[in-house]
Amino acid sequence: MGDAPLGKEFVFKMPNGTVVGRAKNLSEVCNLIKTAPLEAVLFHANGKHFAPWLDFLGEKGAAGNIRGLVFNSRTVRVALLRALRS
C-alpha cells in the first residue's frame, strides 16, 4: 500500500465543502470512514469519489470492490470497510 503524493491526498469533505479530514493511503481512508461525519462519508460514497482515488494509488482491488455498491446511511460505513478490506 502506497501513500499519495503530497497534494494528492483524499480530502474528506462535507456536502457544503467543509474539510473534515485527509487521507494519504488506504489505511487512513478506512480510519476516516469510521470517524468522519456520516454526511461526509455518504457524500463521497454516493458521489463515487473513492474508487478513482484508489485506482490512482494503485489499489485496484480495493477500487474494484467498491464500484457498483449502493449505500445508505445505515450501511455505508460497514459496506465500505468490508469492501476495502477484502
PDB file of N, CA and C in Angstrom:
ATOM      1  N   MET A   1       0.866  -1.185   0.000  1.00  0.00           N
ATOM      2  CA  MET A   1       0.000   0.000   0.000  1.00  0.00           C
ATOM      3  C   MET A   1       0.900   1.232   0.000  1.00  0.00           C
ATOM      4  N   GLY A   2       0.692   2.087  -0.980  1.00  0.00           N
ATOM      5  CA  GLY A   2       1.495   3.289  -1.081  1.00  0.00           C
ATOM      6  C   GLY A   2       0.772   4.509  -0.569  1.00  0.00           C
ATOM      7  N   ASP A   3       1.545   5.538  -0.339  1.00  0.00           N
ATOM      8  CA  ASP A   3       0.984   6.822   0.080  1.00  0.00           C
ATOM      9  C   ASP A   3       0.802   7.719  -1.133  1.00  0.00           C
ATOM     10  N   ALA A   4      -0.227   8.522  -1.089  1.00  0.00           N
ATOM     11  CA  ALA A   4      -0.456   9.511  -2.139  1.00  0.00           C
ATOM     12  C   ALA A   4       0.623  10.584  -2.047  1.00  0.00           C
ATOM     13  N   PRO A   5       1.041  11.118  -3.182  1.00  0.00           N
ATOM     14  CA  PRO A   5       1.996  12.224  -3.152  1.00  0.00           C
ATOM     15  C   PRO A   5       1.377  13.436  -2.453  1.00  0.00           C
ATOM     16  N   LEU A   6       2.217  14.275  -1.921  1.00  0.00           N
ATOM     17  CA  LEU A   6       1.760  15.489  -1.263  1.00  0.00           C
ATOM     18  C   LEU A   6       0.858  16.281  -2.209  1.00  0.00           C
ATOM     19  N   GLY A   7      -0.299  16.665  -1.714  1.00  0.00           N
ATOM     20  CA  GLY A   7      -1.254  17.408  -2.517  1.00  0.00           C
ATOM     21  C   GLY A   7      -2.261  16.535  -3.243  1.00  0.00           C
ATOM     22  N   LYS A   8      -2.078  15.221  -3.176  1.00  0.00           N
ATOM     23  CA  LYS A   8      -2.994  14.285  -3.850  1.00  0.00           C
ATOM     24  C   LYS A   8      -3.724  13.406  -2.840  1.00  0.00           C
ATOM     25  N   GLU A   9      -3.728  13.819  -1.576  1.00  0.00           N
ATOM     26  CA  GLU A   9      -4.429  13.075  -0.547  1.00  0.00           C
ATOM     27  C   GLU A   9      -5.930  13.081  -0.841  1.00  0.00           C
ATOM     28  N   PHE A  10      -6.638  12.097  -0.258  1.00  0.00           N
ATOM     29  CA  PHE A  10      -8.101  12.107  -0.351  1.00  0.00           C
ATOM     30  C   PHE A  10      -8.594  13.085   0.698  1.00  0.00           C
ATOM     31  N   VAL A  11      -9.351  14.080   0.275  1.00  0.00           N
ATOM     32  CA  VAL A  11      -9.850  15.104   1.184  1.00  0.00           C
ATOM     33  C   VAL A  11     -11.315  14.808   1.489  1.00  0.00           C
ATOM     34  N   PHE A  12     -11.579  14.451   2.736  1.00  0.00           N
ATOM     35  CA  PHE A  12     -12.950  14.204   3.180  1.00  0.00           C
ATOM     36  C   PHE A  12     -13.619  15.547   3.402  1.00  0.00           C
ATOM     37  N   LYS A  13     -14.740  15.732   2.727  1.00  0.00           N
ATOM     38  CA  LYS A  13     -15.483  16.983   2.836  1.00  0.00           C
ATOM     39  C   LYS A  13     -16.941  16.708   3.150  1.00  0.00           C
ATOM     40  N   MET A  14     -17.537  17.684   3.772  1.00  0.00           N
ATOM     41  CA  MET A  14     -18.985  17.681   3.950  1.00  0.00           C
ATOM     42  C   MET A  14     -19.599  18.117   2.617  1.00  0.00           C
ATOM     43  N   PRO A  15     -20.879  17.864   2.414  1.00  0.00           N
ATOM     44  CA  PRO A  15     -21.508  18.310   1.164  1.00  0.00           C
ATOM     45  C   PRO A  15     -21.368  19.811   0.899  1.00  0.00           C
ATOM     46  N   ASN A  16     -21.204  20.609   1.956  1.00  0.00           N
ATOM     47  CA  ASN A  16     -21.051  22.059   1.777  1.00  0.00           C
ATOM     48  C   ASN A  16     -19.607  22.468   1.503  1.00  0.00           C
ATOM     49  N   GLY A  17     -18.682  21.497   1.439  1.00  0.00           N
ATOM     50  CA  GLY A  17     -17.288  21.782   1.132  1.00  0.00           C
ATOM     51  C   GLY A  17     -16.363  21.884   2.322  1.00  0.00           C
ATOM     52  N   THR A  18     -16.895  21.852   3.532  1.00  0.00           N
ATOM     53  CA  THR A  18     -16.065  21.914   4.735  1.00  0.00           C
ATOM     54  C   THR A  18     -15.195  20.665   4.825  1.00  0.00           C
ATOM     55  N   VAL A  19     -13.892  20.854   4.949  1.00  0.00           N
ATOM     56  CA  VAL A  19     -12.958  19.737   5.050  1.00  0.00           C
ATOM     57  C   VAL A  19     -12.999  19.167   6.467  1.00  0.00           C
ATOM     58  N   VAL A  20     -13.156  17.838   6.549  1.00  0.00           N
ATOM     59  CA  VAL A  20     -13.213  17.182   7.854  1.00  0.00           C
ATOM     60  C   VAL A  20     -12.087  16.171   8.058  1.00  0.00           C
ATOM     61  N   GLY A  21     -11.246  15.986   7.042  1.00  0.00           N
ATOM     62  CA  GLY A  21     -10.119  15.079   7.187  1.00  0.00           C
ATOM     63  C   GLY A  21      -9.399  14.860   5.878  1.00  0.00           C
ATOM     64  N   ARG A  22      -8.184  14.303   5.980  1.00  0.00           N
ATOM     65  CA  ARG A  22      -7.379  13.979   4.810  1.00  0.00           C
ATOM     66  C   ARG A  22      -6.761  12.601   5.021  1.00  0.00           C
ATOM     67  N   ALA A  23      -6.638  11.861   3.921  1.00  0.00           N
ATOM     68  CA  ALA A  23      -6.039  10.527   3.994  1.00  0.00           C
ATOM     69  C   ALA A  23      -5.019  10.397   2.874  1.00  0.00           C
ATOM     70  N   LYS A  24      -3.877   9.800   3.204  1.00  0.00           N
ATOM     71  CA  LYS A  24      -2.847   9.631   2.190  1.00  0.00           C
ATOM     72  C   LYS A  24      -2.698   8.175   1.737  1.00  0.00           C
ATOM     73  N   ASN A  25      -3.445   7.257   2.387  1.00  0.00           N
ATOM     74  CA  ASN A  25      -3.363   5.854   1.989  1.00  0.00           C
ATOM     75  C   ASN A  25      -4.648   5.122   2.380  1.00  0.00           C
ATOM     76  N   LEU A  26      -4.732   3.863   2.008  1.00  0.00           N
ATOM     77  CA  LEU A  26      -5.937   3.071   2.246  1.00  0.00           C
ATOM     78  C   LEU A  26      -6.256   2.953   3.733  1.00  0.00           C
ATOM     79  N   SER A  27      -5.254   2.765   4.556  1.00  0.00           N
ATOM     80  CA  SER A  27      -5.461   2.652   5.998  1.00  0.00           C
ATOM     81  C   SER A  27      -6.085   3.927   6.567  1.00  0.00           C
ATOM     82  N   GLU A  28      -5.586   5.069   6.152  1.00  0.00           N
ATOM     83  CA  GLU A  28      -6.130   6.341   6.641  1.00  0.00           C
ATOM     84  C   GLU A  28      -7.550   6.580   6.121  1.00  0.00           C
ATOM     85  N   VAL A  29      -7.847   6.141   4.891  1.00  0.00           N
ATOM     86  CA  VAL A  29      -9.215   6.256   4.379  1.00  0.00           C
ATOM     87  C   VAL A  29     -10.149   5.424   5.254  1.00  0.00           C
ATOM     88  N   CYS A  30      -9.728   4.208   5.594  1.00  0.00           N
ATOM     89  CA  CYS A  30     -10.556   3.350   6.450  1.00  0.00           C
ATOM     90  C   CYS A  30     -10.800   4.011   7.812  1.00  0.00           C
ATOM     91  N   ASN A  31      -9.772   4.611   8.386  1.00  0.00           N
ATOM     92  CA  ASN A  31      -9.941   5.285   9.675  1.00  0.00           C
ATOM     93  C   ASN A  31     -10.917   6.450   9.561  1.00  0.00           C
ATOM     94  N   LEU A  32     -10.844   7.192   8.477  1.00  0.00           N
ATOM     95  CA  LEU A  32     -11.777   8.317   8.302  1.00  0.00           C
ATOM     96  C   LEU A  32     -13.191   7.844   8.016  1.00  0.00           C
ATOM     97  N   ILE A  33     -13.336   6.728   7.325  1.00  0.00           N
ATOM     98  CA  ILE A  33     -14.678   6.179   7.108  1.00  0.00           C
ATOM     99  C   ILE A  33     -15.322   5.874   8.459  1.00  0.00           C
ATOM    100  N   LYS A  34     -14.521   5.419   9.407  1.00  0.00           N
ATOM    101  CA  LYS A  34     -15.031   5.106  10.747  1.00  0.00           C
ATOM    102  C   LYS A  34     -15.362   6.354  11.556  1.00  0.00           C
ATOM    103  N   THR A  35     -14.601   7.434  11.368  1.00  0.00           N
ATOM    104  CA  THR A  35     -14.697   8.568  12.296  1.00  0.00           C
ATOM    105  C   THR A  35     -15.272   9.854  11.711  1.00  0.00           C
ATOM    106  N   ALA A  36     -15.250   9.999  10.414  1.00  0.00           N
ATOM    107  CA  ALA A  36     -15.761  11.233   9.801  1.00  0.00           C
ATOM    108  C   ALA A  36     -17.277  11.312   9.972  1.00  0.00           C
ATOM    109  N   PRO A  37     -17.830  12.504   9.927  1.00  0.00           N
ATOM    110  CA  PRO A  37     -19.286  12.628   9.999  1.00  0.00           C
ATOM    111  C   PRO A  37     -19.950  11.791   8.900  1.00  0.00           C
ATOM    112  N   LEU A  38     -21.060  11.181   9.238  1.00  0.00           N
ATOM    113  CA  LEU A  38     -21.783  10.332   8.303  1.00  0.00           C
ATOM    114  C   LEU A  38     -22.093  11.053   7.003  1.00  0.00           C
ATOM    115  N   GLU A  39     -22.440  12.322   7.085  1.00  0.00           N
ATOM    116  CA  GLU A  39     -22.765  13.087   5.878  1.00  0.00           C
ATOM    117  C   GLU A  39     -21.588  13.132   4.910  1.00  0.00           C
ATOM    118  N   ALA A  40     -20.375  13.238   5.438  1.00  0.00           N
ATOM    119  CA  ALA A  40     -19.182  13.274   4.588  1.00  0.00           C
ATOM    120  C   ALA A  40     -18.945  11.911   3.936  1.00  0.00           C
ATOM    121  N   VAL A  41     -19.101  10.853   4.704  1.00  0.00           N
ATOM    122  CA  VAL A  41     -18.895   9.509   4.154  1.00  0.00           C
ATOM    123  C   VAL A  41     -19.915   9.238   3.052  1.00  0.00           C
ATOM    124  N   LEU A  42     -21.175   9.562   3.303  1.00  0.00           N
ATOM    125  CA  LEU A  42     -22.218   9.376   2.290  1.00  0.00           C
ATOM    126  C   LEU A  42     -21.962  10.233   1.056  1.00  0.00           C
ATOM    127  N   PHE A  43     -21.516  11.456   1.258  1.00  0.00           N
ATOM    128  CA  PHE A  43     -21.223  12.369   0.145  1.00  0.00           C
ATOM    129  C   PHE A  43     -20.221  11.736  -0.806  1.00  0.00           C
ATOM    130  N   HIS A  44     -19.155  11.191  -0.261  1.00  0.00           N
ATOM    131  CA  HIS A  44     -18.114  10.600  -1.097  1.00  0.00           C
ATOM    132  C   HIS A  44     -18.519   9.235  -1.642  1.00  0.00           C
ATOM    133  N   ALA A  45     -19.205   8.438  -0.835  1.00  0.00           N
ATOM    134  CA  ALA A  45     -19.629   7.112  -1.299  1.00  0.00           C
ATOM    135  C   ALA A  45     -20.642   7.229  -2.429  1.00  0.00           C
ATOM    136  N   ASN A  46     -21.659   8.025  -2.240  1.00  0.00           N
ATOM    137  CA  ASN A  46     -22.691   8.176  -3.266  1.00  0.00           C
ATOM    138  C   ASN A  46     -22.189   8.948  -4.479  1.00  0.00           C
ATOM    139  N   GLY A  47     -21.177   9.790  -4.286  1.00  0.00           N
ATOM    140  CA  GLY A  47     -20.576  10.521  -5.395  1.00  0.00           C
ATOM    141  C   GLY A  47     -19.538   9.700  -6.153  1.00  0.00           C
ATOM    142  N   LYS A  48     -19.297   8.453  -5.684  1.00  0.00           N
ATOM    143  CA  LYS A  48     -18.325   7.555  -6.335  1.00  0.00           C
ATOM    144  C   LYS A  48     -16.925   8.161  -6.369  1.00  0.00           C
ATOM    145  N   HIS A  49     -16.545   8.822  -5.288  1.00  0.00           N
ATOM    146  CA  HIS A  49     -15.246   9.500  -5.222  1.00  0.00           C
ATOM    147  C   HIS A  49     -14.096   8.584  -4.802  1.00  0.00           C
ATOM    148  N   PHE A  50     -14.404   7.494  -4.103  1.00  0.00           N
ATOM    149  CA  PHE A  50     -13.339   6.651  -3.558  1.00  0.00           C
ATOM    150  C   PHE A  50     -12.588   5.852  -4.623  1.00  0.00           C
ATOM    151  N   ALA A  51     -13.307   5.195  -5.523  1.00  0.00           N
ATOM    152  CA  ALA A  51     -12.675   4.283  -6.485  1.00  0.00           C
ATOM    153  C   ALA A  51     -11.632   4.967  -7.373  1.00  0.00           C
ATOM    154  N   PRO A  52     -11.908   6.145  -7.955  1.00  0.00           N
ATOM    155  CA  PRO A  52     -10.870   6.767  -8.785  1.00  0.00           C
ATOM    156  C   PRO A  52      -9.592   7.085  -8.003  1.00  0.00           C
ATOM    157  N   TRP A  53      -9.754   7.525  -6.769  1.00  0.00           N
ATOM    158  CA  TRP A  53      -8.574   7.844  -5.959  1.00  0.00           C
ATOM    159  C   TRP A  53      -7.796   6.572  -5.624  1.00  0.00           C
ATOM    160  N   LEU A  54      -8.514   5.510  -5.291  1.00  0.00           N
ATOM    161  CA  LEU A  54      -7.848   4.242  -5.002  1.00  0.00           C
ATOM    162  C   LEU A  54      -7.135   3.712  -6.244  1.00  0.00           C
ATOM    163  N   ASP A  55      -7.744   3.851  -7.414  1.00  0.00           N
ATOM    164  CA  ASP A  55      -7.070   3.477  -8.660  1.00  0.00           C
ATOM    165  C   ASP A  55      -5.783   4.270  -8.835  1.00  0.00           C
ATOM    166  N   PHE A  56      -5.842   5.567  -8.577  1.00  0.00           N
ATOM    167  CA  PHE A  56      -4.678   6.440  -8.675  1.00  0.00           C
ATOM    168  C   PHE A  56      -3.542   5.941  -7.779  1.00  0.00           C
ATOM    169  N   LEU A  57      -3.896   5.435  -6.590  1.00  0.00           N
ATOM    170  CA  LEU A  57      -2.889   4.913  -5.658  1.00  0.00           C
ATOM    171  C   LEU A  57      -2.355   3.547  -6.066  1.00  0.00           C
ATOM    172  N   GLY A  58      -3.021   2.918  -7.027  1.00  0.00           N
ATOM    173  CA  GLY A  58      -2.621   1.566  -7.404  1.00  0.00           C
ATOM    174  C   GLY A  58      -3.358   0.498  -6.625  1.00  0.00           C
ATOM    175  N   GLU A  59      -4.365   0.894  -5.877  1.00  0.00           N
ATOM    176  CA  GLU A  59      -5.171  -0.038  -5.080  1.00  0.00           C
ATOM    177  C   GLU A  59      -6.336  -0.534  -5.936  1.00  0.00           C
ATOM    178  N   LYS A  60      -6.004  -1.243  -7.021  1.00  0.00           N
ATOM    179  CA  LYS A  60      -7.008  -1.675  -7.995  1.00  0.00           C
ATOM    180  C   LYS A  60      -8.036  -2.621  -7.385  1.00  0.00           C
ATOM    181  N   GLY A  61      -7.598  -3.532  -6.536  1.00  0.00           N
ATOM    182  CA  GLY A  61      -8.526  -4.482  -5.909  1.00  0.00           C
ATOM    183  C   GLY A  61      -9.541  -3.779  -5.036  1.00  0.00           C
ATOM    184  N   ALA A  62      -9.078  -2.854  -4.208  1.00  0.00           N
ATOM    185  CA  ALA A  62      -9.981  -2.109  -3.322  1.00  0.00           C
ATOM    186  C   ALA A  62     -10.943  -1.253  -4.146  1.00  0.00           C
ATOM    187  N   ALA A  63     -10.425  -0.627  -5.193  1.00  0.00           N
ATOM    188  CA  ALA A  63     -11.282   0.205  -6.040  1.00  0.00           C
ATOM    189  C   ALA A  63     -12.363  -0.640  -6.697  1.00  0.00           C
ATOM    190  N   GLY A  64     -11.984  -1.791  -7.201  1.00  0.00           N
ATOM    191  CA  GLY A  64     -12.951  -2.677  -7.841  1.00  0.00           C
ATOM    192  C   GLY A  64     -14.005  -3.184  -6.885  1.00  0.00           C
ATOM    193  N   ASN A  65     -13.602  -3.410  -5.639  1.00  0.00           N
ATOM    194  CA  ASN A  65     -14.544  -3.920  -4.638  1.00  0.00           C
ATOM    195  C   ASN A  65     -15.668  -2.935  -4.322  1.00  0.00           C
ATOM    196  N   ILE A  66     -15.404  -1.640  -4.435  1.00  0.00           N
ATOM    197  CA  ILE A  66     -16.451  -0.679  -4.061  1.00  0.00           C
ATOM    198  C   ILE A  66     -17.246  -0.154  -5.248  1.00  0.00           C
ATOM    199  N   ARG A  67     -16.758  -0.412  -6.445  1.00  0.00           N
ATOM    200  CA  ARG A  67     -17.516   0.031  -7.634  1.00  0.00           C
ATOM    201  C   ARG A  67     -18.840  -0.711  -7.681  1.00  0.00           C
ATOM    202  N   GLY A  68     -19.888   0.011  -7.943  1.00  0.00           N
ATOM    203  CA  GLY A  68     -21.196  -0.610  -8.095  1.00  0.00           C
ATOM    204  C   GLY A  68     -21.955  -0.846  -6.800  1.00  0.00           C
ATOM    205  N   LEU A  69     -21.307  -0.630  -5.655  1.00  0.00           N
ATOM    206  CA  LEU A  69     -22.032  -0.791  -4.388  1.00  0.00           C
ATOM    207  C   LEU A  69     -23.048   0.341  -4.238  1.00  0.00           C
ATOM    208  N   VAL A  70     -24.157   0.024  -3.607  1.00  0.00           N
ATOM    209  CA  VAL A  70     -25.183   1.022  -3.310  1.00  0.00           C
ATOM    210  C   VAL A  70     -25.166   1.244  -1.808  1.00  0.00           C
ATOM    211  N   PHE A  71     -25.216   2.505  -1.404  1.00  0.00           N
ATOM    212  CA  PHE A  71     -25.070   2.845   0.011  1.00  0.00           C
ATOM    213  C   PHE A  71     -26.300   3.565   0.540  1.00  0.00           C
ATOM    214  N   ASN A  72     -26.507   3.410   1.836  1.00  0.00           N
ATOM    215  CA  ASN A  72     -27.480   4.233   2.546  1.00  0.00           C
ATOM    216  C   ASN A  72     -26.889   4.558   3.905  1.00  0.00           C
ATOM    217  N   SER A  73     -27.556   5.398   4.651  1.00  0.00           N
ATOM    218  CA  SER A  73     -26.991   5.880   5.917  1.00  0.00           C
ATOM    219  C   SER A  73     -26.807   4.777   6.952  1.00  0.00           C
ATOM    220  N   ARG A  74     -27.516   3.686   6.821  1.00  0.00           N
ATOM    221  CA  ARG A  74     -27.393   2.605   7.806  1.00  0.00           C
ATOM    222  C   ARG A  74     -26.260   1.646   7.470  1.00  0.00           C
ATOM    223  N   THR A  75     -25.900   1.550   6.200  1.00  0.00           N
ATOM    224  CA  THR A  75     -24.942   0.523   5.796  1.00  0.00           C
ATOM    225  C   THR A  75     -23.621   1.045   5.247  1.00  0.00           C
ATOM    226  N   VAL A  76     -23.519   2.335   5.009  1.00  0.00           N
ATOM    227  CA  VAL A  76     -22.378   2.849   4.261  1.00  0.00           C
ATOM    228  C   VAL A  76     -21.032   2.537   4.905  1.00  0.00           C
ATOM    229  N   ARG A  77     -20.886   2.744   6.186  1.00  0.00           N
ATOM    230  CA  ARG A  77     -19.578   2.521   6.818  1.00  0.00           C
ATOM    231  C   ARG A  77     -19.177   1.040   6.761  1.00  0.00           C
ATOM    232  N   VAL A  78     -20.099   0.162   7.150  1.00  0.00           N
ATOM    233  CA  VAL A  78     -19.797  -1.263   7.172  1.00  0.00           C
ATOM    234  C   VAL A  78     -19.526  -1.775   5.758  1.00  0.00           C
ATOM    235  N   ALA A  79     -20.356  -1.371   4.799  1.00  0.00           N
ATOM    236  CA  ALA A  79     -20.178  -1.834   3.416  1.00  0.00           C
ATOM    237  C   ALA A  79     -18.835  -1.389   2.853  1.00  0.00           C
ATOM    238  N   LEU A  80     -18.479  -0.143   3.070  1.00  0.00           N
ATOM    239  CA  LEU A  80     -17.195   0.356   2.574  1.00  0.00           C
ATOM    240  C   LEU A  80     -16.025  -0.372   3.234  1.00  0.00           C
ATOM    241  N   LEU A  81     -16.058  -0.496   4.535  1.00  0.00           N
ATOM    242  CA  LEU A  81     -14.940  -1.129   5.241  1.00  0.00           C
ATOM    243  C   LEU A  81     -14.788  -2.590   4.840  1.00  0.00           C
ATOM    244  N   ARG A  82     -15.891  -3.307   4.698  1.00  0.00           N
ATOM    245  CA  ARG A  82     -15.808  -4.698   4.251  1.00  0.00           C
ATOM    246  C   ARG A  82     -15.203  -4.794   2.849  1.00  0.00           C
ATOM    247  N   ALA A  83     -15.667  -3.939   1.965  1.00  0.00           N
ATOM    248  CA  ALA A  83     -15.173  -3.967   0.588  1.00  0.00           C
ATOM    249  C   ALA A  83     -13.693  -3.595   0.516  1.00  0.00           C
ATOM    250  N   LEU A  84     -13.280  -2.640   1.306  1.00  0.00           N
ATOM    251  CA  LEU A  84     -11.892  -2.184   1.262  1.00  0.00           C
ATOM    252  C   LEU A  84     -10.934  -3.179   1.914  1.00  0.00           C
ATOM    253  N   ARG A  85     -11.426  -3.992   2.810  1.00  0.00           N
ATOM    254  CA  ARG A  85     -10.567  -4.960   3.496  1.00  0.00           C
ATOM    255  C   ARG A  85     -10.535  -6.309   2.802  1.00  0.00           C
ATOM    256  N   SER A  86     -11.385  -6.487   1.786  1.00  0.00           N
ATOM    257  CA  SER A  86     -11.454  -7.781   1.070  1.00  0.00           C
ATOM    258  C   SER A  86     -10.235  -7.998   0.205  1.00  0.00           C
TER     259      SER A  86
END
